[in-house]
PDB file of all heavy atoms in Angstrom:
ATOM      1  N   TYR A   1       0.829  -1.201   0.000  1.00  0.00           N
ATOM      2  CA  TYR A   1       0.000   0.000   0.000  1.00  0.00           C
ATOM      3  C   TYR A   1       0.864   1.251   0.000  1.00  0.00           C
ATOM      4  O   TYR A   1       1.957   1.268   0.586  1.00  0.00           O
ATOM      5  CB  TYR A   1      -0.893   0.053   1.244  1.00  0.00           C
ATOM      6  CG  TYR A   1      -1.862  -1.087   1.391  1.00  0.00           C
ATOM      7  CD1 TYR A   1      -1.506  -2.235   2.097  1.00  0.00           C
ATOM      8  CD2 TYR A   1      -3.141  -1.014   0.835  1.00  0.00           C
ATOM      9  CE1 TYR A   1      -2.392  -3.290   2.231  1.00  0.00           C
ATOM     10  CE2 TYR A   1      -4.040  -2.061   0.986  1.00  0.00           C
ATOM     11  CZ  TYR A   1      -3.647  -3.198   1.671  1.00  0.00           C
ATOM     12  OH  TYR A   1      -4.541  -4.239   1.819  1.00  0.00           O
ATOM     13  N   VAL A   2       0.344   2.301  -0.585  1.00  0.00           N
ATOM     14  CA  VAL A   2       0.980   3.598  -0.436  1.00  0.00           C
ATOM     15  C   VAL A   2       0.755   4.049   1.003  1.00  0.00           C
ATOM     16  O   VAL A   2      -0.271   3.721   1.626  1.00  0.00           O
ATOM     17  CB  VAL A   2       0.396   4.616  -1.451  1.00  0.00           C
ATOM     18  CG1 VAL A   2      -1.072   4.910  -1.156  1.00  0.00           C
ATOM     19  CG2 VAL A   2       1.220   5.883  -1.496  1.00  0.00           C
ATOM     20  N   ASP A   3       1.704   4.778   1.550  1.00  0.00           N
ATOM     21  CA  ASP A   3       1.643   5.143   2.961  1.00  0.00           C
ATOM     22  C   ASP A   3       0.360   5.882   3.331  1.00  0.00           C
ATOM     23  O   ASP A   3      -0.191   5.691   4.422  1.00  0.00           O
ATOM     24  CB  ASP A   3       2.851   6.007   3.327  1.00  0.00           C
ATOM     25  CG  ASP A   3       4.133   5.202   3.439  1.00  0.00           C
ATOM     26  OD1 ASP A   3       4.059   3.961   3.474  1.00  0.00           O
ATOM     27  OD2 ASP A   3       5.216   5.830   3.489  1.00  0.00           O
ATOM     28  N   SER A   4      -0.145   6.694   2.438  1.00  0.00           N
ATOM     29  CA  SER A   4      -1.286   7.544   2.754  1.00  0.00           C
ATOM     30  C   SER A   4      -2.586   6.771   2.969  1.00  0.00           C
ATOM     31  O   SER A   4      -3.550   7.328   3.501  1.00  0.00           O
ATOM     32  CB  SER A   4      -1.488   8.594   1.664  1.00  0.00           C
ATOM     33  OG  SER A   4      -1.752   7.975   0.417  1.00  0.00           O
ATOM     34  N   VAL A   5      -2.642   5.509   2.568  1.00  0.00           N
ATOM     35  CA  VAL A   5      -3.871   4.730   2.731  1.00  0.00           C
ATOM     36  C   VAL A   5      -3.700   3.559   3.697  1.00  0.00           C
ATOM     37  O   VAL A   5      -4.676   2.855   3.985  1.00  0.00           O
ATOM     38  CB  VAL A   5      -4.411   4.204   1.383  1.00  0.00           C
ATOM     39  CG1 VAL A   5      -4.538   5.325   0.381  1.00  0.00           C
ATOM     40  CG2 VAL A   5      -3.557   3.071   0.835  1.00  0.00           C
ATOM     41  N   LYS A   6      -2.512   3.345   4.199  1.00  0.00           N
ATOM     42  CA  LYS A   6      -2.276   2.232   5.116  1.00  0.00           C
ATOM     43  C   LYS A   6      -3.161   2.367   6.349  1.00  0.00           C
ATOM     44  O   LYS A   6      -3.267   3.443   6.938  1.00  0.00           O
ATOM     45  CB  LYS A   6      -0.805   2.182   5.517  1.00  0.00           C
ATOM     46  CG  LYS A   6       0.110   1.654   4.432  1.00  0.00           C
ATOM     47  CD  LYS A   6       1.569   1.610   4.891  1.00  0.00           C
ATOM     48  CE  LYS A   6       2.470   1.075   3.791  1.00  0.00           C
ATOM     49  NZ  LYS A   6       3.900   1.074   4.204  1.00  0.00           N
ATOM     50  N   GLY A   7      -3.780   1.253   6.724  1.00  0.00           N
ATOM     51  CA  GLY A   7      -4.670   1.268   7.878  1.00  0.00           C
ATOM     52  C   GLY A   7      -6.087   1.688   7.547  1.00  0.00           C
ATOM     53  O   GLY A   7      -6.987   1.537   8.377  1.00  0.00           O
ATOM     54  N   ARG A   8      -6.306   2.206   6.338  1.00  0.00           N
ATOM     55  CA  ARG A   8      -7.658   2.627   5.927  1.00  0.00           C
ATOM     56  C   ARG A   8      -8.185   1.804   4.754  1.00  0.00           C
ATOM     57  O   ARG A   8      -9.388   1.549   4.675  1.00  0.00           O
ATOM     58  CB  ARG A   8      -7.644   4.104   5.525  1.00  0.00           C
ATOM     59  CG  ARG A   8      -7.206   5.036   6.639  1.00  0.00           C
ATOM     60  CD  ARG A   8      -7.422   6.500   6.249  1.00  0.00           C
ATOM     61  NE  ARG A   8      -6.624   6.894   5.084  1.00  0.00           N
ATOM     62  CZ  ARG A   8      -7.147   7.387   3.964  1.00  0.00           C
ATOM     63  NH1 ARG A   8      -8.466   7.552   3.853  1.00  0.00           N
ATOM     64  NH2 ARG A   8      -6.352   7.740   2.950  1.00  0.00           N
ATOM     65  N   PHE A   9      -7.316   1.432   3.832  1.00  0.00           N
ATOM     66  CA  PHE A   9      -7.726   0.675   2.642  1.00  0.00           C
ATOM     67  C   PHE A   9      -7.252  -0.769   2.764  1.00  0.00           C
ATOM     68  O   PHE A   9      -6.183  -1.040   3.315  1.00  0.00           O
ATOM     69  CB  PHE A   9      -7.114   1.273   1.383  1.00  0.00           C
ATOM     70  CG  PHE A   9      -7.649   2.623   0.982  1.00  0.00           C
ATOM     71  CD1 PHE A   9      -8.455   3.379   1.820  1.00  0.00           C
ATOM     72  CD2 PHE A   9      -7.333   3.159  -0.262  1.00  0.00           C
ATOM     73  CE1 PHE A   9      -8.943   4.620   1.444  1.00  0.00           C
ATOM     74  CE2 PHE A   9      -7.814   4.395  -0.663  1.00  0.00           C
ATOM     75  CZ  PHE A   9      -8.617   5.125   0.208  1.00  0.00           C
ATOM     76  N   THR A  10      -8.035  -1.686   2.189  1.00  0.00           N
ATOM     77  CA  THR A  10      -7.663  -3.095   2.153  1.00  0.00           C
ATOM     78  C   THR A  10      -7.940  -3.648   0.764  1.00  0.00           C
ATOM     79  O   THR A  10      -9.073  -3.544   0.269  1.00  0.00           O
ATOM     80  CB  THR A  10      -8.453  -3.903   3.186  1.00  0.00           C
ATOM     81  OG1 THR A  10      -8.235  -3.375   4.496  1.00  0.00           O
ATOM     82  CG2 THR A  10      -8.000  -5.366   3.167  1.00  0.00           C
ATOM     83  N   ILE A  11      -6.917  -4.234   0.171  1.00  0.00           N
ATOM     84  CA  ILE A  11      -7.083  -4.872  -1.135  1.00  0.00           C
ATOM     85  C   ILE A  11      -7.240  -6.370  -0.918  1.00  0.00           C
ATOM     86  O   ILE A  11      -6.597  -6.954  -0.047  1.00  0.00           O
ATOM     87  CB  ILE A  11      -5.888  -4.564  -2.064  1.00  0.00           C
ATOM     88  CG1 ILE A  11      -6.164  -5.074  -3.488  1.00  0.00           C
ATOM     89  CG2 ILE A  11      -4.582  -5.135  -1.522  1.00  0.00           C
ATOM     90  CD1 ILE A  11      -5.129  -4.595  -4.512  1.00  0.00           C
ATOM     91  N   SER A  12      -8.118  -6.973  -1.710  1.00  0.00           N
ATOM     92  CA  SER A  12      -8.336  -8.416  -1.595  1.00  0.00           C
ATOM     93  C   SER A  12      -8.720  -8.962  -2.966  1.00  0.00           C
ATOM     94  O   SER A  12      -9.004  -8.192  -3.892  1.00  0.00           O
ATOM     95  CB  SER A  12      -9.425  -8.729  -0.569  1.00  0.00           C
ATOM     96  OG  SER A  12     -10.663  -8.162  -0.959  1.00  0.00           O
ATOM     97  N   ARG A  13      -8.721 -10.283  -3.070  1.00  0.00           N
ATOM     98  CA  ARG A  13      -9.060 -10.891  -4.352  1.00  0.00           C
ATOM     99  C   ARG A  13      -9.903 -12.132  -4.139  1.00  0.00           C
ATOM    100  O   ARG A  13      -9.752 -12.824  -3.137  1.00  0.00           O
ATOM    101  CB  ARG A  13      -7.792 -11.241  -5.138  1.00  0.00           C
ATOM    102  CG  ARG A  13      -6.853 -12.203  -4.419  1.00  0.00           C
ATOM    103  CD  ARG A  13      -5.477 -12.215  -5.047  1.00  0.00           C
ATOM    104  NE  ARG A  13      -5.477 -12.882  -6.348  1.00  0.00           N
ATOM    105  CZ  ARG A  13      -4.480 -12.797  -7.214  1.00  0.00           C
ATOM    106  NH1 ARG A  13      -3.427 -12.064  -6.935  1.00  0.00           N
ATOM    107  NH2 ARG A  13      -4.544 -13.437  -8.365  1.00  0.00           N
ATOM    108  N   ASP A  14     -10.800 -12.389  -5.083  1.00  0.00           N
ATOM    109  CA  ASP A  14     -11.617 -13.586  -5.083  1.00  0.00           C
ATOM    110  C   ASP A  14     -11.331 -14.296  -6.406  1.00  0.00           C
ATOM    111  O   ASP A  14     -11.877 -13.916  -7.451  1.00  0.00           O
ATOM    112  CB  ASP A  14     -13.099 -13.229  -4.953  1.00  0.00           C
ATOM    113  CG  ASP A  14     -13.997 -14.454  -4.822  1.00  0.00           C
ATOM    114  OD1 ASP A  14     -13.610 -15.539  -5.322  1.00  0.00           O
ATOM    115  OD2 ASP A  14     -15.072 -14.328  -4.240  1.00  0.00           O
ATOM    116  N   ASN A  15     -10.474 -15.290  -6.370  1.00  0.00           N
ATOM    117  CA  ASN A  15     -10.071 -15.951  -7.609  1.00  0.00           C
ATOM    118  C   ASN A  15     -11.243 -16.642  -8.300  1.00  0.00           C
ATOM    119  O   ASN A  15     -11.291 -16.711  -9.531  1.00  0.00           O
ATOM    120  CB  ASN A  15      -8.971 -16.968  -7.322  1.00  0.00           C
ATOM    121  CG  ASN A  15      -7.650 -16.310  -6.945  1.00  0.00           C
ATOM    122  OD1 ASN A  15      -7.439 -15.132  -7.214  1.00  0.00           O
ATOM    123  ND2 ASN A  15      -6.789 -17.064  -6.293  1.00  0.00           N
ATOM    124  N   ALA A  16     -12.192 -17.136  -7.528  1.00  0.00           N
ATOM    125  CA  ALA A  16     -13.342 -17.834  -8.117  1.00  0.00           C
ATOM    126  C   ALA A  16     -14.212 -16.884  -8.942  1.00  0.00           C
ATOM    127  O   ALA A  16     -14.852 -17.301  -9.907  1.00  0.00           O
ATOM    128  CB  ALA A  16     -14.175 -18.481  -7.031  1.00  0.00           C
ATOM    129  N   LYS A  17     -14.214 -15.607  -8.545  1.00  0.00           N
ATOM    130  CA  LYS A  17     -15.013 -14.604  -9.254  1.00  0.00           C
ATOM    131  C   LYS A  17     -14.172 -13.746 -10.182  1.00  0.00           C
ATOM    132  O   LYS A  17     -14.699 -12.818 -10.799  1.00  0.00           O
ATOM    133  CB  LYS A  17     -15.746 -13.713  -8.243  1.00  0.00           C
ATOM    134  CG  LYS A  17     -16.770 -14.449  -7.405  1.00  0.00           C
ATOM    135  CD  LYS A  17     -17.494 -13.490  -6.476  1.00  0.00           C
ATOM    136  CE  LYS A  17     -18.565 -14.225  -5.665  1.00  0.00           C
ATOM    137  NZ  LYS A  17     -19.285 -13.314  -4.742  1.00  0.00           N
ATOM    138  N   ASN A  18     -12.879 -14.022 -10.250  1.00  0.00           N
ATOM    139  CA  ASN A  18     -11.969 -13.204 -11.079  1.00  0.00           C
ATOM    140  C   ASN A  18     -12.120 -11.719 -10.753  1.00  0.00           C
ATOM    141  O   ASN A  18     -12.156 -10.870 -11.658  1.00  0.00           O
ATOM    142  CB  ASN A  18     -12.227 -13.448 -12.567  1.00  0.00           C
ATOM    143  CG  ASN A  18     -11.904 -14.864 -12.977  1.00  0.00           C
ATOM    144  OD1 ASN A  18     -11.011 -15.485 -12.419  1.00  0.00           O
ATOM    145  ND2 ASN A  18     -12.641 -15.382 -13.947  1.00  0.00           N
ATOM    146  N   THR A  19     -12.174 -11.428  -9.480  1.00  0.00           N
ATOM    147  CA  THR A  19     -12.454 -10.062  -9.040  1.00  0.00           C
ATOM    148  C   THR A  19     -11.474  -9.641  -7.950  1.00  0.00           C
ATOM    149  O   THR A  19     -11.143 -10.437  -7.068  1.00  0.00           O
ATOM    150  CB  THR A  19     -13.891  -9.933  -8.533  1.00  0.00           C
ATOM    151  OG1 THR A  19     -14.795 -10.281  -9.593  1.00  0.00           O
ATOM    152  CG2 THR A  19     -14.194  -8.512  -8.074  1.00  0.00           C
ATOM    153  N   VAL A  20     -11.058  -8.401  -8.040  1.00  0.00           N
ATOM    154  CA  VAL A  20     -10.223  -7.776  -7.022  1.00  0.00           C
ATOM    155  C   VAL A  20     -11.024  -6.640  -6.402  1.00  0.00           C
ATOM    156  O   VAL A  20     -11.758  -5.930  -7.107  1.00  0.00           O
ATOM    157  CB  VAL A  20      -8.913  -7.251  -7.623  1.00  0.00           C
ATOM    158  CG1 VAL A  20      -8.115  -6.459  -6.593  1.00  0.00           C
ATOM    159  CG2 VAL A  20      -8.084  -8.401  -8.148  1.00  0.00           C
ATOM    160  N   TYR A  21     -10.860  -6.466  -5.109  1.00  0.00           N
ATOM    161  CA  TYR A  21     -11.623  -5.452  -4.381  1.00  0.00           C
ATOM    162  C   TYR A  21     -10.679  -4.455  -3.715  1.00  0.00           C
ATOM    163  O   TYR A  21      -9.530  -4.776  -3.389  1.00  0.00           O
ATOM    164  CB  TYR A  21     -12.481  -6.107  -3.308  1.00  0.00           C
ATOM    165  CG  TYR A  21     -13.440  -7.150  -3.829  1.00  0.00           C
ATOM    166  CD1 TYR A  21     -13.108  -8.501  -3.776  1.00  0.00           C
ATOM    167  CD2 TYR A  21     -14.667  -6.791  -4.377  1.00  0.00           C
ATOM    168  CE1 TYR A  21     -13.976  -9.468  -4.248  1.00  0.00           C
ATOM    169  CE2 TYR A  21     -15.547  -7.755  -4.852  1.00  0.00           C
ATOM    170  CZ  TYR A  21     -15.189  -9.093  -4.789  1.00  0.00           C
ATOM    171  OH  TYR A  21     -16.045 -10.041  -5.264  1.00  0.00           O
ATOM    172  N   LEU A  22     -11.205  -3.272  -3.481  1.00  0.00           N
ATOM    173  CA  LEU A  22     -10.517  -2.285  -2.655  1.00  0.00           C
ATOM    174  C   LEU A  22     -11.527  -1.726  -1.667  1.00  0.00           C
ATOM    175  O   LEU A  22     -12.412  -0.964  -2.049  1.00  0.00           O
ATOM    176  CB  LEU A  22      -9.915  -1.164  -3.502  1.00  0.00           C
ATOM    177  CG  LEU A  22      -9.050  -0.167  -2.728  1.00  0.00           C
ATOM    178  CD1 LEU A  22      -7.777  -0.837  -2.218  1.00  0.00           C
ATOM    179  CD2 LEU A  22      -8.705   1.059  -3.576  1.00  0.00           C
ATOM    180  N   GLN A  23     -11.405  -2.153  -0.422  1.00  0.00           N
ATOM    181  CA  GLN A  23     -12.260  -1.631   0.637  1.00  0.00           C
ATOM    182  C   GLN A  23     -11.626  -0.351   1.160  1.00  0.00           C
ATOM    183  O   GLN A  23     -10.478  -0.368   1.614  1.00  0.00           O
ATOM    184  CB  GLN A  23     -12.408  -2.651   1.763  1.00  0.00           C
ATOM    185  CG  GLN A  23     -13.238  -2.158   2.930  1.00  0.00           C
ATOM    186  CD  GLN A  23     -14.704  -1.945   2.572  1.00  0.00           C
ATOM    187  OE1 GLN A  23     -15.308  -2.768   1.905  1.00  0.00           O
ATOM    188  NE2 GLN A  23     -15.270  -0.826   3.021  1.00  0.00           N
ATOM    189  N   MET A  24     -12.357   0.732   1.098  1.00  0.00           N
ATOM    190  CA  MET A  24     -11.840   2.038   1.505  1.00  0.00           C
ATOM    191  C   MET A  24     -12.647   2.565   2.670  1.00  0.00           C
ATOM    192  O   MET A  24     -13.852   2.812   2.527  1.00  0.00           O
ATOM    193  CB  MET A  24     -11.892   3.022   0.330  1.00  0.00           C
ATOM    194  CG  MET A  24     -11.188   2.524  -0.928  1.00  0.00           C
ATOM    195  SD  MET A  24     -11.124   3.735  -2.252  1.00  0.00           S
ATOM    196  CE  MET A  24     -12.869   3.907  -2.625  1.00  0.00           C
ATOM    197  N   ASN A  25     -12.008   2.700   3.813  1.00  0.00           N
ATOM    198  CA  ASN A  25     -12.651   3.209   5.021  1.00  0.00           C
ATOM    199  C   ASN A  25     -12.029   4.535   5.432  1.00  0.00           C
ATOM    200  O   ASN A  25     -10.935   4.880   4.975  1.00  0.00           O
ATOM    201  CB  ASN A  25     -12.507   2.194   6.157  1.00  0.00           C
ATOM    202  CG  ASN A  25     -13.165   0.869   5.854  1.00  0.00           C
ATOM    203  OD1 ASN A  25     -14.186   0.799   5.171  1.00  0.00           O
ATOM    204  ND2 ASN A  25     -12.582  -0.197   6.369  1.00  0.00           N
ATOM    205  N   SER A  26     -12.717   5.239   6.294  1.00  0.00           N
ATOM    206  CA  SER A  26     -12.229   6.526   6.807  1.00  0.00           C
ATOM    207  C   SER A  26     -11.767   7.418   5.659  1.00  0.00           C
ATOM    208  O   SER A  26     -10.678   8.006   5.698  1.00  0.00           O
ATOM    209  CB  SER A  26     -11.076   6.299   7.797  1.00  0.00           C
ATOM    210  OG  SER A  26     -11.483   5.481   8.870  1.00  0.00           O
ATOM    211  N   LEU A  27     -12.594   7.533   4.667  1.00  0.00           N
ATOM    212  CA  LEU A  27     -12.217   8.297   3.478  1.00  0.00           C
ATOM    213  C   LEU A  27     -12.030   9.773   3.790  1.00  0.00           C
ATOM    214  O   LEU A  27     -12.721  10.341   4.659  1.00  0.00           O
ATOM    215  CB  LEU A  27     -13.273   8.115   2.382  1.00  0.00           C
ATOM    216  CG  LEU A  27     -13.172   6.781   1.641  1.00  0.00           C
ATOM    217  CD1 LEU A  27     -14.475   6.457   0.929  1.00  0.00           C
ATOM    218  CD2 LEU A  27     -12.013   6.818   0.653  1.00  0.00           C
ATOM    219  N   LYS A  28     -11.080  10.369   3.078  1.00  0.00           N
ATOM    220  CA  LYS A  28     -10.735  11.775   3.248  1.00  0.00           C
ATOM    221  C   LYS A  28     -10.940  12.499   1.915  1.00  0.00           C
ATOM    222  O   LYS A  28     -10.864  11.882   0.851  1.00  0.00           O
ATOM    223  CB  LYS A  28      -9.267  11.903   3.670  1.00  0.00           C
ATOM    224  CG  LYS A  28      -8.905  11.145   4.932  1.00  0.00           C
ATOM    225  CD  LYS A  28      -7.419  11.244   5.205  1.00  0.00           C
ATOM    226  CE  LYS A  28      -7.035  10.469   6.455  1.00  0.00           C
ATOM    227  NZ  LYS A  28      -5.565  10.562   6.733  1.00  0.00           N
ATOM    228  N   PRO A  29     -11.160  13.805   1.962  1.00  0.00           N
ATOM    229  CA  PRO A  29     -11.309  14.557   0.705  1.00  0.00           C
ATOM    230  C   PRO A  29     -10.130  14.350  -0.245  1.00  0.00           C
ATOM    231  O   PRO A  29     -10.313  14.335  -1.466  1.00  0.00           O
ATOM    232  CB  PRO A  29     -11.420  16.006   1.175  1.00  0.00           C
ATOM    233  CG  PRO A  29     -12.040  15.900   2.531  1.00  0.00           C
ATOM    234  CD  PRO A  29     -11.442  14.659   3.129  1.00  0.00           C
ATOM    235  N   GLU A  30      -8.937  14.183   0.301  1.00  0.00           N
ATOM    236  CA  GLU A  30      -7.759  13.991  -0.559  1.00  0.00           C
ATOM    237  C   GLU A  30      -7.734  12.629  -1.233  1.00  0.00           C
ATOM    238  O   GLU A  30      -6.865  12.364  -2.083  1.00  0.00           O
ATOM    239  CB  GLU A  30      -6.462  14.196   0.235  1.00  0.00           C
ATOM    240  CG  GLU A  30      -6.387  13.429   1.527  1.00  0.00           C
ATOM    241  CD  GLU A  30      -6.787  14.262   2.736  1.00  0.00           C
ATOM    242  OE1 GLU A  30      -7.817  15.001   2.657  1.00  0.00           O
ATOM    243  OE2 GLU A  30      -6.098  14.164   3.774  1.00  0.00           O
ATOM    244  N   ASP A  31      -8.675  11.752  -0.905  1.00  0.00           N
ATOM    245  CA  ASP A  31      -8.807  10.479  -1.626  1.00  0.00           C
ATOM    246  C   ASP A  31      -9.611  10.635  -2.918  1.00  0.00           C
ATOM    247  O   ASP A  31      -9.722   9.681  -3.693  1.00  0.00           O
ATOM    248  CB  ASP A  31      -9.487   9.431  -0.741  1.00  0.00           C
ATOM    249  CG  ASP A  31      -8.663   9.046   0.470  1.00  0.00           C
ATOM    250  OD1 ASP A  31      -7.438   8.870   0.319  1.00  0.00           O
ATOM    251  OD2 ASP A  31      -9.256   8.901   1.560  1.00  0.00           O
ATOM    252  N   THR A  32     -10.171  11.811  -3.131  1.00  0.00           N
ATOM    253  CA  THR A  32     -10.952  12.058  -4.343  1.00  0.00           C
ATOM    254  C   THR A  32     -10.081  11.884  -5.576  1.00  0.00           C
ATOM    255  O   THR A  32      -9.026  12.502  -5.699  1.00  0.00           O
ATOM    256  CB  THR A  32     -11.539  13.476  -4.322  1.00  0.00           C
ATOM    257  OG1 THR A  32     -12.484  13.571  -3.252  1.00  0.00           O
ATOM    258  CG2 THR A  32     -12.238  13.800  -5.635  1.00  0.00           C
ATOM    259  N   ALA A  33     -10.533  11.019  -6.486  1.00  0.00           N
ATOM    260  CA  ALA A  33      -9.757  10.716  -7.690  1.00  0.00           C
ATOM    261  C   ALA A  33     -10.546   9.732  -8.553  1.00  0.00           C
ATOM    262  O   ALA A  33     -11.561   9.178  -8.115  1.00  0.00           O
ATOM    263  CB  ALA A  33      -8.412  10.097  -7.326  1.00  0.00           C
ATOM    264  N   VAL A  34     -10.037   9.520  -9.747  1.00  0.00           N
ATOM    265  CA  VAL A  34     -10.502   8.400 -10.557  1.00  0.00           C
ATOM    266  C   VAL A  34      -9.615   7.212 -10.206  1.00  0.00           C
ATOM    267  O   VAL A  34      -8.383   7.316 -10.257  1.00  0.00           O
ATOM    268  CB  VAL A  34     -10.423   8.699 -12.067  1.00  0.00           C
ATOM    269  CG1 VAL A  34     -10.843   7.472 -12.876  1.00  0.00           C
ATOM    270  CG2 VAL A  34     -11.290   9.901 -12.414  1.00  0.00           C
ATOM    271  N   TYR A  35     -10.231   6.110  -9.839  1.00  0.00           N
ATOM    272  CA  TYR A  35      -9.504   4.921  -9.427  1.00  0.00           C
ATOM    273  C   TYR A  35      -9.491   3.916 -10.582  1.00  0.00           C
ATOM    274  O   TYR A  35     -10.547   3.591 -11.143  1.00  0.00           O
ATOM    275  CB  TYR A  35     -10.147   4.309  -8.184  1.00  0.00           C
ATOM    276  CG  TYR A  35      -9.814   5.066  -6.931  1.00  0.00           C
ATOM    277  CD1 TYR A  35     -10.345   6.334  -6.699  1.00  0.00           C
ATOM    278  CD2 TYR A  35      -8.950   4.536  -5.974  1.00  0.00           C
ATOM    279  CE1 TYR A  35     -10.017   7.059  -5.570  1.00  0.00           C
ATOM    280  CE2 TYR A  35      -8.624   5.253  -4.826  1.00  0.00           C
ATOM    281  CZ  TYR A  35      -9.157   6.497  -4.630  1.00  0.00           C
ATOM    282  OH  TYR A  35      -8.836   7.213  -3.495  1.00  0.00           O
ATOM    283  N   TYR A  36      -8.285   3.436 -10.886  1.00  0.00           N
ATOM    284  CA  TYR A  36      -8.090   2.512 -11.997  1.00  0.00           C
ATOM    285  C   TYR A  36      -7.609   1.152 -11.497  1.00  0.00           C
ATOM    286  O   TYR A  36      -6.702   1.070 -10.659  1.00  0.00           O
ATOM    287  CB  TYR A  36      -7.048   3.060 -12.971  1.00  0.00           C
ATOM    288  CG  TYR A  36      -7.447   4.339 -13.666  1.00  0.00           C
ATOM    289  CD1 TYR A  36      -7.117   5.579 -13.120  1.00  0.00           C
ATOM    290  CD2 TYR A  36      -8.145   4.306 -14.866  1.00  0.00           C
ATOM    291  CE1 TYR A  36      -7.480   6.762 -13.748  1.00  0.00           C
ATOM    292  CE2 TYR A  36      -8.506   5.485 -15.502  1.00  0.00           C
ATOM    293  CZ  TYR A  36      -8.172   6.699 -14.937  1.00  0.00           C
ATOM    294  OH  TYR A  36      -8.530   7.870 -15.566  1.00  0.00           O
ATOM    295  N   CYS A  37      -8.204   0.128 -12.037  1.00  0.00           N
ATOM    296  CA  CYS A  37      -7.749  -1.232 -11.776  1.00  0.00           C
ATOM    297  C   CYS A  37      -6.623  -1.573 -12.745  1.00  0.00           C
ATOM    298  O   CYS A  37      -6.645  -1.158 -13.909  1.00  0.00           O
ATOM    299  CB  CYS A  37      -8.924  -2.197 -11.952  1.00  0.00           C
ATOM    300  SG  CYS A  37      -8.532  -3.931 -11.680  1.00  0.00           S
ATOM    301  N   TRP A  38      -5.659  -2.329 -12.275  1.00  0.00           N
ATOM    302  CA  TRP A  38      -4.501  -2.723 -13.086  1.00  0.00           C
ATOM    303  C   TRP A  38      -4.229  -4.203 -12.847  1.00  0.00           C
ATOM    304  O   TRP A  38      -4.391  -4.715 -11.740  1.00  0.00           O
ATOM    305  CB  TRP A  38      -3.287  -1.889 -12.684  1.00  0.00           C
ATOM    306  CG  TRP A  38      -1.978  -2.472 -13.128  1.00  0.00           C
ATOM    307  CD1 TRP A  38      -1.378  -2.351 -14.337  1.00  0.00           C
ATOM    308  CD2 TRP A  38      -1.103  -3.294 -12.343  1.00  0.00           C
ATOM    309  NE1 TRP A  38      -0.195  -3.032 -14.359  1.00  0.00           N
ATOM    310  CE2 TRP A  38      -0.001  -3.620 -13.149  1.00  0.00           C
ATOM    311  CE3 TRP A  38      -1.141  -3.781 -11.049  1.00  0.00           C
ATOM    312  CZ2 TRP A  38       1.058  -4.408 -12.694  1.00  0.00           C
ATOM    313  CZ3 TRP A  38      -0.094  -4.563 -10.591  1.00  0.00           C
ATOM    314  CH2 TRP A  38       0.987  -4.866 -11.423  1.00  0.00           C
ATOM    315  N   GLY A  39      -3.790  -4.864 -13.922  1.00  0.00           N
ATOM    316  CA  GLY A  39      -3.403  -6.260 -13.795  1.00  0.00           C
ATOM    317  C   GLY A  39      -2.273  -6.592 -14.744  1.00  0.00           C
ATOM    318  O   GLY A  39      -2.170  -6.008 -15.834  1.00  0.00           O
ATOM    319  N   ALA A  40      -1.409  -7.497 -14.309  1.00  0.00           N
ATOM    320  CA  ALA A  40      -0.270  -7.906 -15.118  1.00  0.00           C
ATOM    321  C   ALA A  40      -0.386  -9.394 -15.406  1.00  0.00           C
ATOM    322  O   ALA A  40      -0.237 -10.211 -14.493  1.00  0.00           O
ATOM    323  CB  ALA A  40       1.030  -7.594 -14.394  1.00  0.00           C
ATOM    324  N   TRP A  41      -0.628  -9.709 -16.692  1.00  0.00           N
ATOM    325  CA  TRP A  41      -0.646 -11.088 -17.139  1.00  0.00           C
ATOM    326  C   TRP A  41       0.624 -11.300 -17.961  1.00  0.00           C
ATOM    327  O   TRP A  41       0.749 -10.789 -19.070  1.00  0.00           O
ATOM    328  CB  TRP A  41      -1.875 -11.361 -18.011  1.00  0.00           C
ATOM    329  CG  TRP A  41      -3.111 -11.710 -17.247  1.00  0.00           C
ATOM    330  CD1 TRP A  41      -3.627 -12.954 -17.050  1.00  0.00           C
ATOM    331  CD2 TRP A  41      -4.004 -10.802 -16.585  1.00  0.00           C
ATOM    332  NE1 TRP A  41      -4.776 -12.881 -16.309  1.00  0.00           N
ATOM    333  CE2 TRP A  41      -5.034 -11.569 -16.009  1.00  0.00           C
ATOM    334  CE3 TRP A  41      -4.039  -9.414 -16.425  1.00  0.00           C
ATOM    335  CZ2 TRP A  41      -6.084 -11.012 -15.277  1.00  0.00           C
ATOM    336  CZ3 TRP A  41      -5.078  -8.841 -15.701  1.00  0.00           C
ATOM    337  CH2 TRP A  41      -6.080  -9.645 -15.141  1.00  0.00           C
ATOM    338  N   GLY A  42       1.562 -12.028 -17.406  1.00  0.00           N
ATOM    339  CA  GLY A  42       2.847 -12.177 -18.073  1.00  0.00           C
ATOM    340  C   GLY A  42       3.517 -10.829 -18.204  1.00  0.00           C
ATOM    341  O   GLY A  42       3.634 -10.079 -17.236  1.00  0.00           O
ATOM    342  N   ALA A  43       3.949 -10.504 -19.410  1.00  0.00           N
ATOM    343  CA  ALA A  43       4.634  -9.235 -19.651  1.00  0.00           C
ATOM    344  C   ALA A  43       3.664  -8.118 -20.040  1.00  0.00           C
ATOM    345  O   ALA A  43       4.102  -6.998 -20.320  1.00  0.00           O
ATOM    346  CB  ALA A  43       5.671  -9.414 -20.756  1.00  0.00           C
TER     347      ALA A  43
END
């Protein structure tokens, strides 16, 4: 995690559903942004 979200955000994955989650708690105005999912398959 980036330091600014440690203790507030949790990333997890459900392989059966091919889904990754980001649980975001204690949100702050500075968390305002467009959030993008990223994945690396091989190269």
